[in-house]
Amino acid sequence: MEEDSWEFTVGATRKFSVKDMRSHITSLSHPWTSQPTRWNNSIPSKVNINTWRAMNSRLPARTNLYLKSMDLDSVRCVVCDEEIETEEHVFVHCKIAIDIWKDIFKW
């Protein structure tokens, strides 16, 4: 796997596009299978991409930014300021996330 960088190196133009990113991600295989990434065509591409990023610790949660030597005031959640901001906290444990999930399950 390639090292992370701050430059978009996928595609001929080296400019970010969802199409180039989707093609690149689709060409990759998950480490636990030999199957290429499967997309859910009933949801927007950006949701597929963010799901993939979350599953591979590629979202800009504060802990990930800190690990990339970003200068941060804190790694605590900027929404609730109660816990360290990880992907799991943002989507599952943060008070706001809990309220959102409750509303979704009521629906």
PDB file of N, CA and C in Angstrom:
ATOM      1  N   MET A   1       0.844  -1.176   0.000  1.00  0.00           N
ATOM      2  CA  MET A   1       0.000   0.000   0.000  1.00  0.00           C
ATOM      3  C   MET A   1       0.888   1.238   0.000  1.00  0.00           C
ATOM      4  N   GLU A   2       0.459   2.270  -0.728  1.00  0.00           N
ATOM      5  CA  GLU A   2       1.219   3.508  -0.826  1.00  0.00           C
ATOM      6  C   GLU A   2       1.133   4.315   0.461  1.00  0.00           C
ATOM      7  N   GLU A   3       2.171   5.107   0.690  1.00  0.00           N
ATOM      8  CA  GLU A   3       2.175   6.031   1.821  1.00  0.00           C
ATOM      9  C   GLU A   3       1.138   7.124   1.580  1.00  0.00           C
ATOM     10  N   ASP A   4       0.545   7.635   2.657  1.00  0.00           N
ATOM     11  CA  ASP A   4      -0.362   8.770   2.537  1.00  0.00           C
ATOM     12  C   ASP A   4       0.430  10.009   2.132  1.00  0.00           C
ATOM     13  N   SER A   5      -0.210  10.883   1.385  1.00  0.00           N
ATOM     14  CA  SER A   5       0.419  12.155   1.046  1.00  0.00           C
ATOM     15  C   SER A   5      -0.658  13.224   0.938  1.00  0.00           C
ATOM     16  N   TRP A   6      -0.226  14.477   0.888  1.00  0.00           N
ATOM     17  CA  TRP A   6      -1.161  15.597   0.805  1.00  0.00           C
ATOM     18  C   TRP A   6      -1.443  15.964  -0.647  1.00  0.00           C
ATOM     19  N   GLU A   7      -0.974  15.162  -1.573  1.00  0.00           N
ATOM     20  CA  GLU A   7      -1.166  15.425  -2.987  1.00  0.00           C
ATOM     21  C   GLU A   7      -2.066  14.351  -3.579  1.00  0.00           C
ATOM     22  N   PHE A   8      -2.990  14.736  -4.453  1.00  0.00           N
ATOM     23  CA  PHE A   8      -3.866  13.768  -5.113  1.00  0.00           C
ATOM     24  C   PHE A   8      -3.108  13.206  -6.302  1.00  0.00           C
ATOM     25  N   THR A   9      -2.766  11.936  -6.240  1.00  0.00           N
ATOM     26  CA  THR A   9      -1.935  11.328  -7.277  1.00  0.00           C
ATOM     27  C   THR A   9      -2.692  10.351  -8.156  1.00  0.00           C
ATOM     28  N   VAL A  10      -3.995  10.277  -8.000  1.00  0.00           N
ATOM     29  CA  VAL A  10      -4.810   9.362  -8.791  1.00  0.00           C
ATOM     30  C   VAL A  10      -5.375  10.132  -9.979  1.00  0.00           C
ATOM     31  N   GLY A  11      -5.296   9.559 -11.161  1.00  0.00           N
ATOM     32  CA  GLY A  11      -5.853  10.210 -12.345  1.00  0.00           C
ATOM     33  C   GLY A  11      -4.798  11.005 -13.093  1.00  0.00           C
ATOM     34  N   ALA A  12      -5.031  11.188 -14.371  1.00  0.00           N
ATOM     35  CA  ALA A  12      -4.054  11.842 -15.240  1.00  0.00           C
ATOM     36  C   ALA A  12      -3.874  13.325 -14.919  1.00  0.00           C
ATOM     37  N   THR A  13      -4.940  13.993 -14.490  1.00  0.00           N
ATOM     38  CA  THR A  13      -4.863  15.440 -14.252  1.00  0.00           C
ATOM     39  C   THR A  13      -4.305  15.792 -12.881  1.00  0.00           C
ATOM     40  N   ARG A  14      -4.229  14.830 -11.983  1.00  0.00           N
ATOM     41  CA  ARG A  14      -3.779  15.031 -10.601  1.00  0.00           C
ATOM     42  C   ARG A  14      -4.685  16.007  -9.845  1.00  0.00           C
ATOM     43  N   LYS A  15      -5.909  16.211 -10.364  1.00  0.00           N
ATOM     44  CA  LYS A  15      -6.925  16.999  -9.671  1.00  0.00           C
ATOM     45  C   LYS A  15      -7.979  16.037  -9.166  1.00  0.00           C
ATOM     46  N   PHE A  16      -8.478  16.286  -7.953  1.00  0.00           N
ATOM     47  CA  PHE A  16      -9.443  15.373  -7.359  1.00  0.00           C
ATOM     48  C   PHE A  16     -10.741  15.356  -8.150  1.00  0.00           C
ATOM     49  N   SER A  17     -11.238  14.131  -8.384  1.00  0.00           N
ATOM     50  CA  SER A  17     -12.591  13.966  -8.910  1.00  0.00           C
ATOM     51  C   SER A  17     -13.164  12.697  -8.291  1.00  0.00           C
ATOM     52  N   VAL A  18     -14.459  12.710  -8.048  1.00  0.00           N
ATOM     53  CA  VAL A  18     -15.113  11.532  -7.478  1.00  0.00           C
ATOM     54  C   VAL A  18     -14.963  10.355  -8.434  1.00  0.00           C
ATOM     55  N   LYS A  19     -15.071  10.601  -9.733  1.00  0.00           N
ATOM     56  CA  LYS A  19     -14.947   9.533 -10.730  1.00  0.00           C
ATOM     57  C   LYS A  19     -13.578   8.851 -10.633  1.00  0.00           C
ATOM     58  N   ASP A  20     -12.496   9.644 -10.595  1.00  0.00           N
ATOM     59  CA  ASP A  20     -11.158   9.058 -10.478  1.00  0.00           C
ATOM     60  C   ASP A  20     -10.987   8.318  -9.159  1.00  0.00           C
ATOM     61  N   MET A  21     -11.505   8.903  -8.079  1.00  0.00           N
ATOM     62  CA  MET A  21     -11.379   8.252  -6.774  1.00  0.00           C
ATOM     63  C   MET A  21     -12.150   6.943  -6.750  1.00  0.00           C
ATOM     64  N   ARG A  22     -13.350   6.942  -7.290  1.00  0.00           N
ATOM     65  CA  ARG A  22     -14.143   5.712  -7.312  1.00  0.00           C
ATOM     66  C   ARG A  22     -13.440   4.633  -8.132  1.00  0.00           C
ATOM     67  N   SER A  23     -12.906   4.998  -9.280  1.00  0.00           N
ATOM     68  CA  SER A  23     -12.177   4.031 -10.106  1.00  0.00           C
ATOM     69  C   SER A  23     -10.979   3.472  -9.353  1.00  0.00           C
ATOM     70  N   HIS A  24     -10.270   4.350  -8.660  1.00  0.00           N
ATOM     71  CA  HIS A  24      -9.100   3.913  -7.902  1.00  0.00           C
ATOM     72  C   HIS A  24      -9.488   2.964  -6.772  1.00  0.00           C
ATOM     73  N   ILE A  25     -10.491   3.338  -6.000  1.00  0.00           N
ATOM     74  CA  ILE A  25     -10.914   2.499  -4.875  1.00  0.00           C
ATOM     75  C   ILE A  25     -11.453   1.167  -5.375  1.00  0.00           C
ATOM     76  N   THR A  26     -12.207   1.193  -6.473  1.00  0.00           N
ATOM     77  CA  THR A  26     -12.750  -0.045  -7.021  1.00  0.00           C
ATOM     78  C   THR A  26     -11.633  -0.978  -7.466  1.00  0.00           C
ATOM     79  N   SER A  27     -10.527  -0.411  -7.919  1.00  0.00           N
ATOM     80  CA  SER A  27      -9.415  -1.242  -8.384  1.00  0.00           C
ATOM     81  C   SER A  27      -8.660  -1.908  -7.232  1.00  0.00           C
ATOM     82  N   LEU A  28      -8.868  -1.417  -6.027  1.00  0.00           N
ATOM     83  CA  LEU A  28      -8.198  -1.997  -4.858  1.00  0.00           C
ATOM     84  C   LEU A  28      -8.963  -3.204  -4.343  1.00  0.00           C
ATOM     85  N   SER A  29      -8.286  -4.056  -3.643  1.00  0.00           N
ATOM     86  CA  SER A  29      -8.947  -5.179  -2.980  1.00  0.00           C
ATOM     87  C   SER A  29      -8.868  -4.982  -1.484  1.00  0.00           C
ATOM     88  N   HIS A  30      -9.905  -5.417  -0.786  1.00  0.00           N
ATOM     89  CA  HIS A  30      -9.843  -5.416   0.673  1.00  0.00           C
ATOM     90  C   HIS A  30      -8.800  -6.433   1.104  1.00  0.00           C
ATOM     91  N   PRO A  31      -8.055  -6.150   2.163  1.00  0.00           N
ATOM     92  CA  PRO A  31      -7.036  -7.095   2.609  1.00  0.00           C
ATOM     93  C   PRO A  31      -7.614  -8.435   3.050  1.00  0.00           C
ATOM     94  N   TRP A  32      -8.896  -8.459   3.444  1.00  0.00           N
ATOM     95  CA  TRP A  32      -9.459  -9.700   3.947  1.00  0.00           C
ATOM     96  C   TRP A  32     -10.159 -10.521   2.861  1.00  0.00           C
ATOM     97  N   THR A  33     -10.221 -10.022   1.637  1.00  0.00           N
ATOM     98  CA  THR A  33     -10.813 -10.790   0.540  1.00  0.00           C
ATOM     99  C   THR A  33     -10.050 -10.513  -0.739  1.00  0.00           C
ATOM    100  N   SER A  34     -10.299 -11.312  -1.742  1.00  0.00           N
ATOM    101  CA  SER A  34      -9.725 -11.037  -3.053  1.00  0.00           C
ATOM    102  C   SER A  34     -10.746 -10.332  -3.941  1.00  0.00           C
ATOM    103  N   GLN A  35     -11.886  -9.982  -3.364  1.00  0.00           N
ATOM    104  CA  GLN A  35     -12.945  -9.298  -4.105  1.00  0.00           C
ATOM    105  C   GLN A  35     -12.643  -7.802  -4.168  1.00  0.00           C
ATOM    106  N   PRO A  36     -12.911  -7.142  -5.303  1.00  0.00           N
ATOM    107  CA  PRO A  36     -12.767  -5.688  -5.333  1.00  0.00           C
ATOM    108  C   PRO A  36     -13.838  -5.028  -4.468  1.00  0.00           C
ATOM    109  N   THR A  37     -13.630  -3.767  -4.159  1.00  0.00           N
ATOM    110  CA  THR A  37     -14.601  -3.019  -3.360  1.00  0.00           C
ATOM    111  C   THR A  37     -15.960  -3.070  -4.027  1.00  0.00           C
ATOM    112  N   ARG A  38     -16.980  -3.335  -3.258  1.00  0.00           N
ATOM    113  CA  ARG A  38     -18.347  -3.369  -3.776  1.00  0.00           C
ATOM    114  C   ARG A  38     -19.037  -2.063  -3.418  1.00  0.00           C
ATOM    115  N   TRP A  39     -19.642  -1.432  -4.397  1.00  0.00           N
ATOM    116  CA  TRP A  39     -20.357  -0.190  -4.181  1.00  0.00           C
ATOM    117  C   TRP A  39     -21.838  -0.468  -4.100  1.00  0.00           C
ATOM    118  N   ASN A  40     -22.494   0.296  -3.270  1.00  0.00           N
ATOM    119  CA  ASN A  40     -23.945   0.253  -3.198  1.00  0.00           C
ATOM    120  C   ASN A  40     -24.451   1.332  -4.150  1.00  0.00           C
ATOM    121  N   ASN A  41     -24.971   0.921  -5.294  1.00  0.00           N
ATOM    122  CA  ASN A  41     -25.381   1.878  -6.321  1.00  0.00           C
ATOM    123  C   ASN A  41     -26.644   2.651  -5.975  1.00  0.00           C
ATOM    124  N   SER A  42     -27.313   2.284  -4.891  1.00  0.00           N
ATOM    125  CA  SER A  42     -28.540   2.996  -4.522  1.00  0.00           C
ATOM    126  C   SER A  42     -28.269   4.217  -3.638  1.00  0.00           C
ATOM    127  N   ILE A  43     -27.013   4.437  -3.276  1.00  0.00           N
ATOM    128  CA  ILE A  43     -26.659   5.615  -2.480  1.00  0.00           C
ATOM    129  C   ILE A  43     -25.611   6.427  -3.242  1.00  0.00           C
ATOM    130  N   PRO A  44     -25.475   7.710  -2.924  1.00  0.00           N
ATOM    131  CA  PRO A  44     -24.512   8.552  -3.644  1.00  0.00           C
ATOM    132  C   PRO A  44     -23.073   8.055  -3.483  1.00  0.00           C
ATOM    133  N   SER A  45     -22.258   8.305  -4.506  1.00  0.00           N
ATOM    134  CA  SER A  45     -20.848   7.896  -4.481  1.00  0.00           C
ATOM    135  C   SER A  45     -20.120   8.443  -3.266  1.00  0.00           C
ATOM    136  N   LYS A  46     -20.436   9.683  -2.864  1.00  0.00           N
ATOM    137  CA  LYS A  46     -19.728  10.268  -1.725  1.00  0.00           C
ATOM    138  C   LYS A  46     -19.993   9.483  -0.445  1.00  0.00           C
ATOM    139  N   VAL A  47     -21.161   8.858  -0.329  1.00  0.00           N
ATOM    140  CA  VAL A  47     -21.454   8.027   0.843  1.00  0.00           C
ATOM    141  C   VAL A  47     -20.619   6.755   0.782  1.00  0.00           C
ATOM    142  N   ASN A  48     -20.529   6.140  -0.398  1.00  0.00           N
ATOM    143  CA  ASN A  48     -19.675   4.966  -0.565  1.00  0.00           C
ATOM    144  C   ASN A  48     -18.227   5.288  -0.211  1.00  0.00           C
ATOM    145  N   ILE A  49     -17.739   6.414  -0.704  1.00  0.00           N
ATOM    146  CA  ILE A  49     -16.347   6.797  -0.457  1.00  0.00           C
ATOM    147  C   ILE A  49     -16.118   7.068   1.026  1.00  0.00           C
ATOM    148  N   ASN A  50     -17.020   7.796   1.667  1.00  0.00           N
ATOM    149  CA  ASN A  50     -16.845   8.073   3.096  1.00  0.00           C
ATOM    150  C   ASN A  50     -16.963   6.819   3.939  1.00  0.00           C
ATOM    151  N   THR A  51     -17.799   5.876   3.528  1.00  0.00           N
ATOM    152  CA  THR A  51     -17.880   4.595   4.236  1.00  0.00           C
ATOM    153  C   THR A  51     -16.552   3.865   4.129  1.00  0.00           C
ATOM    154  N   TRP A  52     -16.000   3.826   2.930  1.00  0.00           N
ATOM    155  CA  TRP A  52     -14.692   3.189   2.730  1.00  0.00           C
ATOM    156  C   TRP A  52     -13.631   3.892   3.572  1.00  0.00           C
ATOM    157  N   ARG A  53     -13.644   5.231   3.564  1.00  0.00           N
ATOM    158  CA  ARG A  53     -12.664   5.984   4.348  1.00  0.00           C
ATOM    159  C   ARG A  53     -12.805   5.679   5.839  1.00  0.00           C
ATOM    160  N   ALA A  54     -14.028   5.589   6.328  1.00  0.00           N
ATOM    161  CA  ALA A  54     -14.250   5.287   7.746  1.00  0.00           C
ATOM    162  C   ALA A  54     -13.746   3.890   8.087  1.00  0.00           C
ATOM    163  N   MET A  55     -14.009   2.930   7.211  1.00  0.00           N
ATOM    164  CA  MET A  55     -13.588   1.549   7.465  1.00  0.00           C
ATOM    165  C   MET A  55     -12.071   1.398   7.433  1.00  0.00           C
ATOM    166  N   ASN A  56     -11.376   2.329   6.785  1.00  0.00           N
ATOM    167  CA  ASN A  56      -9.926   2.246   6.634  1.00  0.00           C
ATOM    168  C   ASN A  56      -9.188   3.357   7.378  1.00  0.00           C
ATOM    169  N   SER A  57      -9.855   3.956   8.370  1.00  0.00           N
ATOM    170  CA  SER A  57      -9.259   5.029   9.191  1.00  0.00           C
ATOM    171  C   SER A  57      -8.670   6.149   8.339  1.00  0.00           C
ATOM    172  N   ARG A  58      -9.417   6.574   7.348  1.00  0.00           N
ATOM    173  CA  ARG A  58      -8.956   7.635   6.459  1.00  0.00           C
ATOM    174  C   ARG A  58      -9.775   8.921   6.583  1.00  0.00           C
ATOM    175  N   LEU A  59     -10.668   8.983   7.554  1.00  0.00           N
ATOM    176  CA  LEU A  59     -11.428  10.213   7.771  1.00  0.00           C
ATOM    177  C   LEU A  59     -10.590  11.186   8.591  1.00  0.00           C
ATOM    178  N   PRO A  60     -10.807  12.487   8.420  1.00  0.00           N
ATOM    179  CA  PRO A  60     -10.006  13.455   9.166  1.00  0.00           C
ATOM    180  C   PRO A  60     -10.471  13.647  10.608  1.00  0.00           C
ATOM    181  N   ALA A  61     -10.663  12.547  11.313  1.00  0.00           N
ATOM    182  CA  ALA A  61     -10.938  12.642  12.751  1.00  0.00           C
ATOM    183  C   ALA A  61      -9.672  13.185  13.411  1.00  0.00           C
ATOM    184  N   ARG A  62      -9.835  13.853  14.519  1.00  0.00           N
ATOM    185  CA  ARG A  62      -8.694  14.515  15.157  1.00  0.00           C
ATOM    186  C   ARG A  62      -7.546  13.561  15.491  1.00  0.00           C
ATOM    187  N   THR A  63      -7.858  12.333  15.882  1.00  0.00           N
ATOM    188  CA  THR A  63      -6.766  11.397  16.180  1.00  0.00           C
ATOM    189  C   THR A  63      -5.961  11.090  14.924  1.00  0.00           C
ATOM    190  N   ASN A  64      -6.625  10.940  13.783  1.00  0.00           N
ATOM    191  CA  ASN A  64      -5.903  10.677  12.533  1.00  0.00           C
ATOM    192  C   ASN A  64      -5.060  11.879  12.122  1.00  0.00           C
ATOM    193  N   LEU A  65      -5.599  13.081  12.292  1.00  0.00           N
ATOM    194  CA  LEU A  65      -4.834  14.286  11.963  1.00  0.00           C
ATOM    195  C   LEU A  65      -3.615  14.420  12.867  1.00  0.00           C
ATOM    196  N   TYR A  66      -3.793  14.105  14.146  1.00  0.00           N
ATOM    197  CA  TYR A  66      -2.677  14.155  15.099  1.00  0.00           C
ATOM    198  C   TYR A  66      -1.579  13.170  14.692  1.00  0.00           C
ATOM    199  N   LEU A  67      -1.981  11.968  14.266  1.00  0.00           N
ATOM    200  CA  LEU A  67      -1.003  10.965  13.836  1.00  0.00           C
ATOM    201  C   LEU A  67      -0.250  11.393  12.580  1.00  0.00           C
ATOM    202  N   LYS A  68      -0.814  12.327  11.823  1.00  0.00           N
ATOM    203  CA  LYS A  68      -0.143  12.864  10.636  1.00  0.00           C
ATOM    204  C   LYS A  68       0.619  14.151  10.965  1.00  0.00           C
ATOM    205  N   SER A  69       0.838  14.377  12.251  1.00  0.00           N
ATOM    206  CA  SER A  69       1.613  15.523  12.749  1.00  0.00           C
ATOM    207  C   SER A  69       0.965  16.872  12.460  1.00  0.00           C
ATOM    208  N   MET A  70      -0.360  16.894  12.402  1.00  0.00           N
ATOM    209  CA  MET A  70      -1.063  18.170  12.254  1.00  0.00           C
ATOM    210  C   MET A  70      -1.012  18.904  13.593  1.00  0.00           C
ATOM    211  N   ASP A  71      -0.881  20.207  13.529  1.00  0.00           N
ATOM    212  CA  ASP A  71      -0.831  21.027  14.736  1.00  0.00           C
ATOM    213  C   ASP A  71      -2.260  21.289  15.208  1.00  0.00           C
ATOM    214  N   LEU A  72      -2.672  20.614  16.280  1.00  0.00           N
ATOM    215  CA  LEU A  72      -4.031  20.727  16.807  1.00  0.00           C
ATOM    216  C   LEU A  72      -3.997  21.244  18.239  1.00  0.00           C
ATOM    217  N   ASP A  73      -5.020  22.003  18.603  1.00  0.00           N
ATOM    218  CA  ASP A  73      -5.139  22.449  19.991  1.00  0.00           C
ATOM    219  C   ASP A  73      -5.430  21.272  20.908  1.00  0.00           C
ATOM    220  N   SER A  74      -6.224  20.331  20.407  1.00  0.00           N
ATOM    221  CA  SER A  74      -6.659  19.194  21.208  1.00  0.00           C
ATOM    222  C   SER A  74      -7.108  18.077  20.278  1.00  0.00           C
ATOM    223  N   VAL A  75      -7.116  16.847  20.786  1.00  0.00           N
ATOM    224  CA  VAL A  75      -7.679  15.732  20.014  1.00  0.00           C
ATOM    225  C   VAL A  75      -9.070  15.366  20.522  1.00  0.00           C
ATOM    226  N   ARG A  76      -9.594  16.179  21.430  1.00  0.00           N
ATOM    227  CA  ARG A  76     -10.948  15.941  21.945  1.00  0.00           C
ATOM    228  C   ARG A  76     -11.973  16.326  20.888  1.00  0.00           C
ATOM    229  N   CYS A  77     -13.129  15.707  20.958  1.00  0.00           N
ATOM    230  CA  CYS A  77     -14.224  15.957  20.020  1.00  0.00           C
ATOM    231  C   CYS A  77     -14.614  17.434  20.042  1.00  0.00           C
ATOM    232  N   VAL A  78     -14.682  18.052  18.874  1.00  0.00           N
ATOM    233  CA  VAL A  78     -15.040  19.472  18.805  1.00  0.00           C
ATOM    234  C   VAL A  78     -16.531  19.690  19.032  1.00  0.00           C
ATOM    235  N   VAL A  79     -17.332  18.636  18.946  1.00  0.00           N
ATOM    236  CA  VAL A  79     -18.778  18.757  19.134  1.00  0.00           C
ATOM    237  C   VAL A  79     -19.149  18.671  20.607  1.00  0.00           C
ATOM    238  N   CYS A  80     -18.694  17.612  21.280  1.00  0.00           N
ATOM    239  CA  CYS A  80     -19.105  17.409  22.676  1.00  0.00           C
ATOM    240  C   CYS A  80     -17.995  17.703  23.683  1.00  0.00           C
ATOM    241  N   ASP A  81     -16.747  17.698  23.246  1.00  0.00           N
ATOM    242  CA  ASP A  81     -15.582  17.940  24.101  1.00  0.00           C
ATOM    243  C   ASP A  81     -15.520  16.989  25.296  1.00  0.00           C
ATOM    244  N   GLU A  82     -16.063  15.783  25.134  1.00  0.00           N
ATOM    245  CA  GLU A  82     -16.070  14.824  26.240  1.00  0.00           C
ATOM    246  C   GLU A  82     -15.105  13.663  26.043  1.00  0.00           C
ATOM    247  N   GLU A  83     -14.808  13.315  24.800  1.00  0.00           N
ATOM    248  CA  GLU A  83     -13.935  12.174  24.527  1.00  0.00           C
ATOM    249  C   GLU A  83     -12.970  12.525  23.403  1.00  0.00           C
ATOM    250  N   ILE A  84     -11.984  11.656  23.218  1.00  0.00           N
ATOM    251  CA  ILE A  84     -11.059  11.799  22.100  1.00  0.00           C
ATOM    252  C   ILE A  84     -11.823  11.519  20.811  1.00  0.00           C
ATOM    253  N   GLU A  85     -11.577  12.341  19.787  1.00  0.00           N
ATOM    254  CA  GLU A  85     -12.317  12.225  18.531  1.00  0.00           C
ATOM    255  C   GLU A  85     -11.702  11.158  17.625  1.00  0.00           C
ATOM    256  N   THR A  86     -12.346  10.007  17.590  1.00  0.00           N
ATOM    257  CA  THR A  86     -12.004   8.927  16.669  1.00  0.00           C
ATOM    258  C   THR A  86     -13.192   8.737  15.738  1.00  0.00           C
ATOM    259  N   GLU A  87     -13.014   7.928  14.687  1.00  0.00           N
ATOM    260  CA  GLU A  87     -14.149   7.643  13.806  1.00  0.00           C
ATOM    261  C   GLU A  87     -15.286   7.005  14.595  1.00  0.00           C
ATOM    262  N   GLU A  88     -14.943   6.079  15.471  1.00  0.00           N
ATOM    263  CA  GLU A  88     -15.968   5.397  16.265  1.00  0.00           C
ATOM    264  C   GLU A  88     -16.728   6.391  17.139  1.00  0.00           C
ATOM    265  N   HIS A  89     -15.995   7.309  17.759  1.00  0.00           N
ATOM    266  CA  HIS A  89     -16.664   8.308  18.595  1.00  0.00           C
ATOM    267  C   HIS A  89     -17.606   9.170  17.756  1.00  0.00           C
ATOM    268  N   VAL A  90     -17.117   9.648  16.609  1.00  0.00           N
ATOM    269  CA  VAL A  90     -17.917  10.540  15.762  1.00  0.00           C
ATOM    270  C   VAL A  90     -19.211   9.878  15.312  1.00  0.00           C
ATOM    271  N   PHE A  91     -19.150   8.605  14.938  1.00  0.00           N
ATOM    272  CA  PHE A  91     -20.321   7.930  14.372  1.00  0.00           C
ATOM    273  C   PHE A  91     -21.153   7.147  15.377  1.00  0.00           C
ATOM    274  N   VAL A  92     -20.598   6.845  16.563  1.00  0.00           N
ATOM    275  CA  VAL A  92     -21.313   5.970  17.490  1.00  0.00           C
ATOM    276  C   VAL A  92     -21.484   6.579  18.881  1.00  0.00           C
ATOM    277  N   HIS A  93     -20.422   7.094  19.479  1.00  0.00           N
ATOM    278  CA  HIS A  93     -20.447   7.445  20.895  1.00  0.00           C
ATOM    279  C   HIS A  93     -20.730   8.908  21.218  1.00  0.00           C
ATOM    280  N   CYS A  94     -20.509   9.809  20.292  1.00  0.00           N
ATOM    281  CA  CYS A  94     -20.759  11.230  20.550  1.00  0.00           C
ATOM    282  C   CYS A  94     -22.248  11.440  20.829  1.00  0.00           C
ATOM    283  N   LYS A  95     -22.549  12.358  21.753  1.00  0.00           N
ATOM    284  CA  LYS A  95     -23.962  12.610  22.098  1.00  0.00           C
ATOM    285  C   LYS A  95     -24.794  12.957  20.867  1.00  0.00           C
ATOM    286  N   ILE A  96     -24.229  13.737  19.977  1.00  0.00           N
ATOM    287  CA  ILE A  96     -24.949  14.120  18.755  1.00  0.00           C
ATOM    288  C   ILE A  96     -25.204  12.885  17.893  1.00  0.00           C
ATOM    289  N   ALA A  97     -24.204  12.022  17.749  1.00  0.00           N
ATOM    290  CA  ALA A  97     -24.377  10.797  16.956  1.00  0.00           C
ATOM    291  C   ALA A  97     -25.456   9.909  17.570  1.00  0.00           C
ATOM    292  N   ILE A  98     -25.455   9.795  18.878  1.00  0.00           N
ATOM    293  CA  ILE A  98     -26.468   8.975  19.557  1.00  0.00           C
ATOM    294  C   ILE A  98     -27.861   9.521  19.270  1.00  0.00           C
ATOM    295  N   ASP A  99     -28.027  10.838  19.344  1.00  0.00           N
ATOM    296  CA  ASP A  99     -29.330  11.446  19.042  1.00  0.00           C
ATOM    297  C   ASP A  99     -29.738  11.205  17.590  1.00  0.00           C
ATOM    298  N   ILE A 100     -28.784  11.322  16.687  1.00  0.00           N
ATOM    299  CA  ILE A 100     -29.089  11.085  15.269  1.00  0.00           C
ATOM    300  C   ILE A 100     -29.515   9.641  15.050  1.00  0.00           C
ATOM    301  N   TRP A 101     -28.766   8.679  15.635  1.00  0.00           N
ATOM    302  CA  TRP A 101     -29.134   7.262  15.480  1.00  0.00           C
ATOM    303  C   TRP A 101     -30.516   6.985  16.069  1.00  0.00           C
ATOM    304  N   LYS A 102     -30.830   7.601  17.211  1.00  0.00           N
ATOM    305  CA  LYS A 102     -32.170   7.420  17.797  1.00  0.00           C
ATOM    306  C   LYS A 102     -33.246   7.900  16.833  1.00  0.00           C
ATOM    307  N   ASP A 103     -33.024   9.076  16.221  1.00  0.00           N
ATOM    308  CA  ASP A 103     -33.994   9.605  15.255  1.00  0.00           C
ATOM    309  C   ASP A 103     -34.118   8.699  14.032  1.00  0.00           C
ATOM    310  N   ILE A 104     -33.006   8.174  13.568  1.00  0.00           N
ATOM    311  CA  ILE A 104     -33.044   7.270  12.410  1.00  0.00           C
ATOM    312  C   ILE A 104     -33.842   6.020  12.739  1.00  0.00           C
ATOM    313  N   PHE A 105     -33.605   5.440  13.908  1.00  0.00           N
ATOM    314  CA  PHE A 105     -34.302   4.198  14.260  1.00  0.00           C
ATOM    315  C   PHE A 105     -35.776   4.428  14.578  1.00  0.00           C
ATOM    316  N   LYS A 106     -36.152   5.653  14.963  1.00  0.00           N
ATOM    317  CA  LYS A 106     -37.571   5.976  15.152  1.00  0.00           C
ATOM    318  C   LYS A 106     -38.289   6.036  13.818  1.00  0.00           C
ATOM    319  N   TRP A 107     -37.587   6.454  12.792  1.00  0.00           N
ATOM    320  CA  TRP A 107     -38.150   6.653  11.477  1.00  0.00           C
ATOM    321  C   TRP A 107     -38.608   5.341  10.940  1.00  0.00           C
TER     322      TRP A 107
END
